[in-house]
């Protein structure tokens, strides 16, 4: 996915949900901070999004521009309607959201996760693709070891799970 693709999804999702603000919490949120992010971080063809002011309308997005929709068929990428609980995030993540708003979003706001919050959420999810994302972000020096450790400490994980995630982060560095 490219930044312009994400902007298109923000615009379409905002119009479908009748909400001018869309939260982007999946891997493609990296495009908020790094519009020209490295290819290894842009493998996903989906953007996980939900309407900030009307989260209950997330299903409308999924049904209209989600996987296997005519939108997906036409453009080769899609939105997955999710909710705030889809990812485990550090405390204060909403205060660090990165704004994407321009002509291509038609003035609608896409609020993307801060890269450190995103990488912590990916590490917690712990799937193979998440570890690859972590390693790519570290290799490209888009995240700091210290900040990832601090953000991990700000999650609600229990201690055994937190130690597991910390070890995964430590290995990447």
N, C-alpha and C. Protein backbone atom coordinates (compact mmCIF):
# COMPACT_ATOMS: atom_id res chain seq x y z
N UNK A 1 0.85 -1.18 0.00
CA UNK A 1 0.00 0.00 0.00
C UNK A 1 0.89 1.23 0.00
N UNK A 2 0.45 2.25 -0.68
CA UNK A 2 1.15 3.53 -0.72
C UNK A 2 0.39 4.56 0.10
N UNK A 3 1.03 5.67 0.38
CA UNK A 3 0.38 6.74 1.15
C UNK A 3 -0.89 7.21 0.45
N UNK A 4 -0.85 7.36 -0.86
CA UNK A 4 -2.05 7.81 -1.58
C UNK A 4 -3.19 6.80 -1.45
N UNK A 5 -2.85 5.52 -1.36
CA UNK A 5 -3.88 4.49 -1.16
C UNK A 5 -4.53 4.65 0.21
N UNK A 6 -3.70 4.89 1.23
CA UNK A 6 -4.23 5.10 2.57
C UNK A 6 -5.12 6.34 2.60
N UNK A 7 -4.69 7.40 1.95
CA UNK A 7 -5.50 8.62 1.90
C UNK A 7 -6.85 8.34 1.24
N UNK A 8 -6.85 7.53 0.20
CA UNK A 8 -8.09 7.15 -0.47
C UNK A 8 -9.01 6.38 0.49
N UNK A 9 -8.44 5.45 1.25
CA UNK A 9 -9.23 4.70 2.22
C UNK A 9 -9.79 5.63 3.29
N UNK A 10 -8.99 6.57 3.77
CA UNK A 10 -9.47 7.53 4.77
C UNK A 10 -10.66 8.30 4.22
N UNK A 11 -10.52 8.79 3.01
CA UNK A 11 -11.60 9.57 2.38
C UNK A 11 -12.85 8.72 2.23
N UNK A 12 -12.71 7.52 1.68
CA UNK A 12 -13.86 6.66 1.46
C UNK A 12 -14.52 6.24 2.77
N UNK A 13 -13.70 5.86 3.76
CA UNK A 13 -14.23 5.44 5.06
C UNK A 13 -14.98 6.58 5.74
N UNK A 14 -14.43 7.78 5.65
CA UNK A 14 -15.09 8.94 6.26
C UNK A 14 -16.45 9.20 5.63
N UNK A 15 -16.51 9.08 4.32
CA UNK A 15 -17.78 9.32 3.63
C UNK A 15 -18.79 8.23 3.94
N UNK A 16 -18.34 6.99 3.97
CA UNK A 16 -19.24 5.87 4.26
C UNK A 16 -19.80 5.96 5.68
N UNK A 17 -18.93 6.29 6.63
CA UNK A 17 -19.34 6.33 8.04
C UNK A 17 -19.95 7.67 8.44
N UNK A 18 -19.94 8.63 7.53
CA UNK A 18 -20.41 9.99 7.83
C UNK A 18 -19.72 10.51 9.10
N UNK A 19 -18.40 10.39 9.08
CA UNK A 19 -17.56 10.83 10.19
C UNK A 19 -16.29 11.42 9.59
N UNK A 20 -15.97 12.63 9.93
CA UNK A 20 -14.82 13.31 9.32
C UNK A 20 -13.48 12.84 9.88
N UNK A 21 -13.51 11.96 10.91
CA UNK A 21 -12.27 11.50 11.53
C UNK A 21 -12.23 9.97 11.55
N UNK A 22 -11.13 9.45 11.00
CA UNK A 22 -10.94 8.00 10.92
C UNK A 22 -9.65 7.65 11.66
N UNK A 23 -9.72 6.64 12.52
CA UNK A 23 -8.54 6.15 13.23
C UNK A 23 -7.96 4.98 12.44
N UNK A 24 -6.64 5.02 12.23
CA UNK A 24 -5.94 3.95 11.51
C UNK A 24 -5.03 3.26 12.52
N UNK A 25 -5.32 1.98 12.82
CA UNK A 25 -4.53 1.31 13.85
C UNK A 25 -3.70 0.13 13.35
N UNK A 26 -3.88 -0.27 12.13
CA UNK A 26 -3.12 -1.40 11.60
C UNK A 26 -1.76 -0.98 11.09
N UNK A 27 -1.05 -1.92 10.50
CA UNK A 27 0.32 -1.70 10.06
C UNK A 27 0.46 -0.50 9.12
N UNK A 28 -0.54 -0.24 8.32
CA UNK A 28 -0.42 0.85 7.36
C UNK A 28 -0.50 2.24 8.01
N UNK A 29 -0.74 2.27 9.32
CA UNK A 29 -0.64 3.54 10.07
C UNK A 29 0.77 4.10 9.99
N UNK A 30 1.73 3.27 9.67
CA UNK A 30 3.12 3.73 9.54
C UNK A 30 3.22 4.83 8.48
N UNK A 31 2.30 4.82 7.52
CA UNK A 31 2.32 5.82 6.45
C UNK A 31 1.96 7.22 6.95
N UNK A 32 1.38 7.31 8.14
CA UNK A 32 1.11 8.63 8.72
C UNK A 32 2.39 9.35 9.05
N UNK A 33 3.33 8.66 9.65
CA UNK A 33 4.61 9.25 10.04
C UNK A 33 5.66 9.17 8.95
N UNK A 34 5.56 8.12 8.14
CA UNK A 34 6.57 7.89 7.10
C UNK A 34 5.86 7.66 5.77
N UNK A 35 5.50 8.75 5.07
CA UNK A 35 4.77 8.61 3.80
C UNK A 35 5.48 7.75 2.76
N UNK A 36 6.79 7.69 2.84
CA UNK A 36 7.57 6.86 1.92
C UNK A 36 8.23 5.72 2.69
N UNK A 37 7.47 5.08 3.53
CA UNK A 37 7.99 3.99 4.37
C UNK A 37 8.62 2.90 3.49
N UNK A 38 9.59 2.19 4.03
CA UNK A 38 10.23 1.10 3.28
C UNK A 38 9.23 0.01 2.88
N UNK A 39 9.48 -0.60 1.73
CA UNK A 39 8.60 -1.62 1.18
C UNK A 39 8.28 -2.74 2.17
N UNK A 40 9.24 -3.13 2.98
CA UNK A 40 9.02 -4.25 3.91
C UNK A 40 7.87 -3.96 4.90
N UNK A 41 7.58 -2.68 5.10
CA UNK A 41 6.50 -2.30 6.02
C UNK A 41 5.17 -2.10 5.30
N UNK A 42 5.19 -2.19 3.99
CA UNK A 42 4.00 -1.87 3.20
C UNK A 42 3.41 -3.08 2.50
N UNK A 43 3.67 -4.25 3.02
CA UNK A 43 3.23 -5.49 2.39
C UNK A 43 1.71 -5.64 2.44
N UNK A 44 1.09 -5.22 3.53
CA UNK A 44 -0.34 -5.39 3.71
C UNK A 44 -1.13 -4.56 2.70
N UNK A 45 -2.20 -5.15 2.21
CA UNK A 45 -3.11 -4.45 1.29
C UNK A 45 -4.37 -3.98 2.01
N UNK A 46 -4.34 -4.03 3.34
CA UNK A 46 -5.50 -3.58 4.10
C UNK A 46 -5.10 -2.51 5.10
N UNK A 47 -6.03 -1.63 5.37
CA UNK A 47 -5.86 -0.65 6.43
C UNK A 47 -6.94 -0.90 7.47
N UNK A 48 -6.53 -1.13 8.71
CA UNK A 48 -7.47 -1.35 9.81
C UNK A 48 -7.92 0.01 10.32
N UNK A 49 -9.21 0.29 10.19
CA UNK A 49 -9.72 1.63 10.50
C UNK A 49 -11.05 1.55 11.25
N UNK A 50 -11.34 2.65 11.95
CA UNK A 50 -12.68 2.81 12.51
C UNK A 50 -13.00 4.30 12.62
N UNK A 51 -14.28 4.65 12.54
CA UNK A 51 -14.68 6.05 12.66
C UNK A 51 -14.52 6.52 14.11
N UNK A 52 -13.79 7.59 14.29
CA UNK A 52 -13.51 8.08 15.64
C UNK A 52 -14.77 8.45 16.42
N UNK A 53 -15.67 9.16 15.78
CA UNK A 53 -16.86 9.66 16.47
C UNK A 53 -18.06 8.74 16.38
N UNK A 54 -17.98 7.76 15.51
CA UNK A 54 -19.08 6.79 15.34
C UNK A 54 -18.49 5.38 15.16
N UNK A 55 -17.80 4.87 16.18
CA UNK A 55 -17.15 3.56 16.03
C UNK A 55 -18.13 2.44 15.70
N UNK A 56 -19.37 2.62 16.04
CA UNK A 56 -20.38 1.60 15.74
C UNK A 56 -20.62 1.45 14.23
N UNK A 57 -20.10 2.39 13.45
CA UNK A 57 -20.28 2.34 12.00
C UNK A 57 -19.12 1.62 11.29
N UNK A 58 -18.27 1.02 12.05
CA UNK A 58 -17.12 0.29 11.51
C UNK A 58 -17.55 -0.81 10.54
N UNK A 59 -18.65 -1.47 10.85
CA UNK A 59 -19.15 -2.54 9.98
C UNK A 59 -19.55 -2.01 8.60
N UNK A 60 -20.04 -0.77 8.55
CA UNK A 60 -20.39 -0.17 7.27
C UNK A 60 -19.16 -0.06 6.37
N UNK A 61 -18.05 0.32 6.98
CA UNK A 61 -16.79 0.44 6.23
C UNK A 61 -16.38 -0.94 5.72
N UNK A 62 -16.39 -1.91 6.61
CA UNK A 62 -15.99 -3.27 6.25
C UNK A 62 -16.87 -3.81 5.12
N UNK A 63 -18.16 -3.58 5.21
CA UNK A 63 -19.09 -4.08 4.20
C UNK A 63 -18.99 -3.36 2.87
N UNK A 64 -18.59 -2.11 2.89
CA UNK A 64 -18.56 -1.30 1.66
C UNK A 64 -17.22 -1.34 0.93
N UNK A 65 -16.13 -1.24 1.68
CA UNK A 65 -14.80 -1.18 1.05
C UNK A 65 -13.84 -2.19 1.64
N UNK A 66 -14.41 -3.26 2.19
CA UNK A 66 -13.61 -4.30 2.82
C UNK A 66 -13.12 -5.36 1.84
N UNK A 67 -12.53 -6.39 2.40
CA UNK A 67 -11.98 -7.48 1.61
C UNK A 67 -13.04 -8.10 0.70
N UNK A 68 -12.66 -8.34 -0.53
CA UNK A 68 -13.50 -8.95 -1.57
C UNK A 68 -14.65 -8.04 -2.03
N UNK A 69 -14.63 -6.79 -1.64
CA UNK A 69 -15.65 -5.84 -2.10
C UNK A 69 -15.29 -5.37 -3.51
N UNK A 70 -16.23 -4.74 -4.21
CA UNK A 70 -15.89 -4.14 -5.51
C UNK A 70 -14.74 -3.12 -5.38
N UNK A 71 -14.68 -2.42 -4.27
CA UNK A 71 -13.58 -1.47 -4.01
C UNK A 71 -12.24 -2.21 -4.03
N UNK A 72 -12.17 -3.31 -3.31
CA UNK A 72 -10.96 -4.14 -3.25
C UNK A 72 -10.61 -4.65 -4.65
N UNK A 73 -11.60 -5.14 -5.37
CA UNK A 73 -11.36 -5.64 -6.72
C UNK A 73 -10.81 -4.55 -7.64
N UNK A 74 -11.36 -3.35 -7.52
CA UNK A 74 -10.95 -2.27 -8.40
C UNK A 74 -9.57 -1.70 -8.07
N UNK A 75 -9.29 -1.53 -6.78
CA UNK A 75 -8.06 -0.82 -6.39
C UNK A 75 -6.94 -1.73 -5.89
N UNK A 76 -7.27 -2.95 -5.49
CA UNK A 76 -6.24 -3.87 -5.02
C UNK A 76 -5.87 -3.70 -3.56
N UNK A 77 -6.56 -2.83 -2.86
CA UNK A 77 -6.38 -2.64 -1.42
C UNK A 77 -7.76 -2.40 -0.83
N UNK A 78 -7.85 -2.47 0.50
CA UNK A 78 -9.16 -2.36 1.13
C UNK A 78 -9.03 -1.91 2.58
N UNK A 79 -10.18 -1.59 3.16
CA UNK A 79 -10.24 -1.22 4.58
C UNK A 79 -10.86 -2.38 5.35
N UNK A 80 -10.33 -2.61 6.52
CA UNK A 80 -10.97 -3.55 7.43
C UNK A 80 -11.53 -2.72 8.57
N UNK A 81 -12.84 -2.75 8.72
CA UNK A 81 -13.47 -2.05 9.82
C UNK A 81 -13.21 -2.78 11.12
N UNK A 82 -12.59 -2.10 12.06
CA UNK A 82 -12.22 -2.68 13.34
C UNK A 82 -12.77 -1.80 14.46
N UNK A 83 -12.34 -2.04 15.68
CA UNK A 83 -12.69 -1.14 16.77
C UNK A 83 -11.47 -0.89 17.64
N UNK A 84 -11.64 -0.03 18.61
CA UNK A 84 -10.52 0.39 19.46
C UNK A 84 -9.87 -0.77 20.20
N UNK A 85 -10.61 -1.84 20.43
CA UNK A 85 -10.06 -2.96 21.20
C UNK A 85 -9.31 -3.96 20.32
N UNK A 86 -9.22 -3.70 19.03
CA UNK A 86 -8.53 -4.62 18.12
C UNK A 86 -7.07 -4.78 18.50
N UNK A 87 -6.45 -3.73 18.96
CA UNK A 87 -5.03 -3.76 19.32
C UNK A 87 -4.86 -3.39 20.79
N UNK A 88 -3.87 -4.00 21.43
CA UNK A 88 -3.50 -3.61 22.80
C UNK A 88 -2.46 -2.51 22.64
N UNK A 89 -2.78 -1.35 23.17
CA UNK A 89 -1.94 -0.17 22.96
C UNK A 89 -1.47 0.43 24.28
N UNK A 90 -0.34 1.14 24.25
CA UNK A 90 0.16 1.79 25.47
C UNK A 90 -0.77 2.92 25.91
N UNK A 91 -0.77 3.19 27.19
CA UNK A 91 -1.53 4.33 27.72
C UNK A 91 -1.08 5.59 27.00
N UNK A 92 -2.03 6.47 26.74
CA UNK A 92 -1.71 7.75 26.12
C UNK A 92 -1.59 7.72 24.61
N UNK A 93 -1.89 6.60 23.99
CA UNK A 93 -1.72 6.48 22.54
C UNK A 93 -2.54 7.50 21.76
N UNK A 94 -3.71 7.83 22.26
CA UNK A 94 -4.56 8.79 21.54
C UNK A 94 -3.93 10.18 21.47
N UNK A 95 -3.11 10.50 22.46
CA UNK A 95 -2.43 11.81 22.47
C UNK A 95 -1.28 11.88 21.48
N UNK A 96 -0.88 10.74 20.94
CA UNK A 96 0.26 10.69 20.03
C UNK A 96 -0.13 10.39 18.59
N UNK A 97 -1.42 10.36 18.30
CA UNK A 97 -1.85 10.06 16.94
C UNK A 97 -1.27 11.07 15.95
N UNK A 98 -1.00 10.60 14.75
CA UNK A 98 -0.39 11.41 13.69
C UNK A 98 -1.46 11.72 12.65
N UNK A 99 -1.64 12.99 12.37
CA UNK A 99 -2.69 13.44 11.46
C UNK A 99 -2.30 13.29 10.00
N UNK A 100 -3.21 12.72 9.23
CA UNK A 100 -3.12 12.71 7.77
C UNK A 100 -4.38 13.41 7.27
N UNK A 101 -4.20 14.58 6.73
CA UNK A 101 -5.33 15.35 6.17
C UNK A 101 -4.78 16.21 5.05
N UNK A 102 -5.32 16.04 3.88
CA UNK A 102 -4.86 16.81 2.74
C UNK A 102 -5.93 16.81 1.65
N UNK A 103 -5.56 17.28 0.49
CA UNK A 103 -6.48 17.34 -0.63
C UNK A 103 -7.01 15.95 -1.01
N UNK A 104 -6.14 14.95 -0.93
CA UNK A 104 -6.54 13.60 -1.31
C UNK A 104 -7.51 12.97 -0.30
N UNK A 105 -7.53 13.43 0.94
CA UNK A 105 -8.52 12.95 1.91
C UNK A 105 -9.77 13.82 1.89
N UNK A 106 -9.75 14.82 1.01
CA UNK A 106 -10.84 15.81 0.90
C UNK A 106 -11.16 16.47 2.23
N UNK A 107 -10.10 16.73 2.99
CA UNK A 107 -10.26 17.42 4.26
C UNK A 107 -10.64 16.52 5.42
N UNK A 108 -10.91 15.26 5.15
CA UNK A 108 -11.19 14.33 6.25
C UNK A 108 -9.87 14.02 6.96
N UNK A 109 -9.96 13.70 8.23
CA UNK A 109 -8.77 13.44 9.03
C UNK A 109 -8.57 11.95 9.26
N UNK A 110 -7.38 11.50 8.94
CA UNK A 110 -6.98 10.15 9.29
C UNK A 110 -5.99 10.25 10.44
N UNK A 111 -6.29 9.63 11.53
CA UNK A 111 -5.43 9.67 12.72
C UNK A 111 -4.71 8.33 12.82
N UNK A 112 -3.41 8.35 12.53
CA UNK A 112 -2.59 7.13 12.49
C UNK A 112 -1.81 6.95 13.78
N UNK A 113 -1.66 5.70 14.18
CA UNK A 113 -0.85 5.40 15.36
C UNK A 113 0.57 5.92 15.18
N UNK A 114 1.11 6.43 16.26
CA UNK A 114 2.52 6.77 16.35
C UNK A 114 3.31 5.49 16.07
N UNK A 115 4.46 5.57 15.38
CA UNK A 115 5.21 4.35 15.04
C UNK A 115 5.57 3.47 16.24
N UNK A 116 5.91 4.07 17.36
CA UNK A 116 6.26 3.25 18.54
C UNK A 116 5.05 2.53 19.10
N UNK A 117 3.91 3.22 19.16
CA UNK A 117 2.69 2.58 19.63
C UNK A 117 2.29 1.45 18.69
N UNK A 118 2.43 1.69 17.39
CA UNK A 118 2.12 0.69 16.38
C UNK A 118 3.00 -0.54 16.54
N UNK A 119 4.30 -0.34 16.66
CA UNK A 119 5.22 -1.47 16.76
C UNK A 119 4.98 -2.26 18.05
N UNK A 120 4.70 -1.58 19.15
CA UNK A 120 4.37 -2.29 20.39
C UNK A 120 3.12 -3.15 20.19
N UNK A 121 2.10 -2.59 19.56
CA UNK A 121 0.87 -3.36 19.31
C UNK A 121 1.16 -4.57 18.43
N UNK A 122 2.00 -4.38 17.42
CA UNK A 122 2.36 -5.50 16.54
C UNK A 122 3.12 -6.57 17.32
N UNK A 123 4.04 -6.16 18.19
CA UNK A 123 4.80 -7.12 18.99
C UNK A 123 3.89 -7.91 19.93
N UNK A 124 2.92 -7.24 20.49
CA UNK A 124 1.97 -7.91 21.39
C UNK A 124 1.15 -8.93 20.61
N UNK A 125 0.73 -8.58 19.40
CA UNK A 125 -0.03 -9.52 18.57
C UNK A 125 0.84 -10.75 18.27
N UNK A 126 2.11 -10.53 18.00
CA UNK A 126 3.10 -11.59 17.94
C UNK A 126 3.04 -12.57 16.78
N UNK A 127 2.29 -12.25 15.74
CA UNK A 127 2.26 -13.13 14.57
C UNK A 127 3.57 -12.99 13.79
N UNK A 128 3.84 -13.93 12.92
CA UNK A 128 5.08 -13.88 12.14
C UNK A 128 5.20 -12.57 11.37
N UNK A 129 4.09 -12.13 10.76
CA UNK A 129 4.13 -10.88 10.00
C UNK A 129 4.41 -9.67 10.91
N UNK A 130 4.02 -9.77 12.18
CA UNK A 130 4.27 -8.68 13.12
C UNK A 130 5.75 -8.61 13.49
N UNK A 131 6.38 -9.77 13.65
CA UNK A 131 7.82 -9.81 13.94
C UNK A 131 8.61 -9.26 12.75
N UNK A 132 8.19 -9.60 11.55
CA UNK A 132 8.83 -9.06 10.34
C UNK A 132 8.69 -7.54 10.30
N UNK A 133 7.51 -7.04 10.68
CA UNK A 133 7.28 -5.60 10.72
C UNK A 133 8.22 -4.94 11.74
N UNK A 134 8.31 -5.53 12.93
CA UNK A 134 9.22 -5.03 13.97
C UNK A 134 10.64 -4.98 13.43
N UNK A 135 11.10 -6.08 12.86
CA UNK A 135 12.47 -6.14 12.36
C UNK A 135 12.72 -5.11 11.27
N UNK A 136 11.73 -4.90 10.40
CA UNK A 136 11.86 -3.89 9.35
C UNK A 136 11.95 -2.49 9.92
N UNK A 137 11.11 -2.18 10.91
CA UNK A 137 11.13 -0.86 11.54
C UNK A 137 12.45 -0.61 12.25
N UNK A 138 12.99 -1.65 12.88
CA UNK A 138 14.28 -1.53 13.58
C UNK A 138 15.40 -1.35 12.56
N UNK A 139 15.40 -2.19 11.54
CA UNK A 139 16.45 -2.15 10.51
C UNK A 139 16.49 -0.77 9.84
N UNK A 140 15.33 -0.19 9.60
CA UNK A 140 15.26 1.12 8.94
C UNK A 140 15.40 2.28 9.93
N UNK A 141 15.58 1.94 11.20
CA UNK A 141 15.77 2.94 12.26
C UNK A 141 14.60 3.92 12.40
N UNK A 142 13.40 3.36 12.29
CA UNK A 142 12.19 4.16 12.43
C UNK A 142 11.70 4.21 13.86
N UNK A 143 12.23 3.31 14.71
CA UNK A 143 11.82 3.26 16.11
C UNK A 143 13.06 3.13 16.99
N UNK A 144 12.89 3.56 18.22
CA UNK A 144 13.97 3.53 19.21
C UNK A 144 13.72 2.40 20.22
N UNK A 145 14.76 1.69 20.57
CA UNK A 145 14.68 0.60 21.55
C UNK A 145 14.13 1.12 22.88
N UNK A 146 14.68 2.22 23.34
CA UNK A 146 14.27 2.78 24.63
C UNK A 146 12.79 3.17 24.63
N UNK A 147 12.35 3.81 23.56
CA UNK A 147 10.94 4.24 23.50
C UNK A 147 10.01 3.03 23.43
N UNK A 148 10.40 2.00 22.69
CA UNK A 148 9.58 0.79 22.65
C UNK A 148 9.46 0.16 24.03
N UNK A 149 10.56 0.13 24.77
CA UNK A 149 10.53 -0.42 26.13
C UNK A 149 9.61 0.40 27.03
N UNK A 150 9.71 1.72 26.92
CA UNK A 150 8.87 2.60 27.73
C UNK A 150 7.40 2.39 27.40
N UNK A 151 7.07 2.33 26.10
CA UNK A 151 5.67 2.15 25.69
C UNK A 151 5.15 0.78 26.10
N UNK A 152 5.99 -0.24 26.01
CA UNK A 152 5.56 -1.57 26.43
C UNK A 152 5.20 -1.56 27.91
N UNK A 153 5.97 -0.84 28.71
CA UNK A 153 5.69 -0.74 30.15
C UNK A 153 4.36 -0.03 30.42
N UNK A 154 3.86 0.73 29.43
CA UNK A 154 2.61 1.47 29.59
C UNK A 154 1.39 0.70 29.10
N UNK A 155 1.56 -0.59 28.84
CA UNK A 155 0.42 -1.41 28.42
C UNK A 155 -0.17 -2.13 29.63
N UNK A 156 -1.29 -2.78 29.41
CA UNK A 156 -1.98 -3.51 30.48
C UNK A 156 -1.62 -4.99 30.48
N UNK A 157 -0.56 -5.36 29.79
CA UNK A 157 -0.16 -6.77 29.74
C UNK A 157 0.22 -7.29 31.12
N UNK A 158 -0.02 -8.58 31.34
CA UNK A 158 0.48 -9.19 32.57
C UNK A 158 1.99 -9.39 32.43
N UNK A 159 2.66 -9.59 33.55
CA UNK A 159 4.12 -9.65 33.55
C UNK A 159 4.71 -10.75 32.66
N UNK A 160 4.17 -11.97 32.68
CA UNK A 160 4.76 -13.00 31.81
C UNK A 160 4.69 -12.63 30.31
N UNK A 161 3.54 -12.12 29.90
CA UNK A 161 3.38 -11.72 28.49
C UNK A 161 4.28 -10.52 28.18
N UNK A 162 4.39 -9.58 29.09
CA UNK A 162 5.24 -8.40 28.89
C UNK A 162 6.71 -8.83 28.72
N UNK A 163 7.15 -9.80 29.52
CA UNK A 163 8.53 -10.29 29.40
C UNK A 163 8.76 -10.93 28.03
N UNK A 164 7.78 -11.67 27.55
CA UNK A 164 7.86 -12.30 26.22
C UNK A 164 8.02 -11.24 25.13
N UNK A 165 7.19 -10.23 25.20
CA UNK A 165 7.22 -9.17 24.19
C UNK A 165 8.52 -8.39 24.28
N UNK A 166 8.96 -8.14 25.50
CA UNK A 166 10.24 -7.42 25.70
C UNK A 166 11.39 -8.20 25.07
N UNK A 167 11.39 -9.52 25.25
CA UNK A 167 12.44 -10.35 24.68
C UNK A 167 12.42 -10.28 23.15
N UNK A 168 11.24 -10.26 22.57
CA UNK A 168 11.11 -10.15 21.12
C UNK A 168 11.69 -8.82 20.63
N UNK A 169 11.36 -7.75 21.33
CA UNK A 169 11.89 -6.42 20.97
C UNK A 169 13.41 -6.41 21.13
N UNK A 170 13.89 -6.94 22.23
CA UNK A 170 15.34 -6.96 22.49
C UNK A 170 16.07 -7.72 21.37
N UNK A 171 15.52 -8.85 20.94
CA UNK A 171 16.16 -9.63 19.87
C UNK A 171 16.27 -8.84 18.58
N UNK A 172 15.28 -8.00 18.30
CA UNK A 172 15.28 -7.23 17.05
C UNK A 172 16.38 -6.18 17.04
N UNK A 173 16.78 -5.76 18.23
CA UNK A 173 17.84 -4.76 18.32
C UNK A 173 19.20 -5.44 18.48
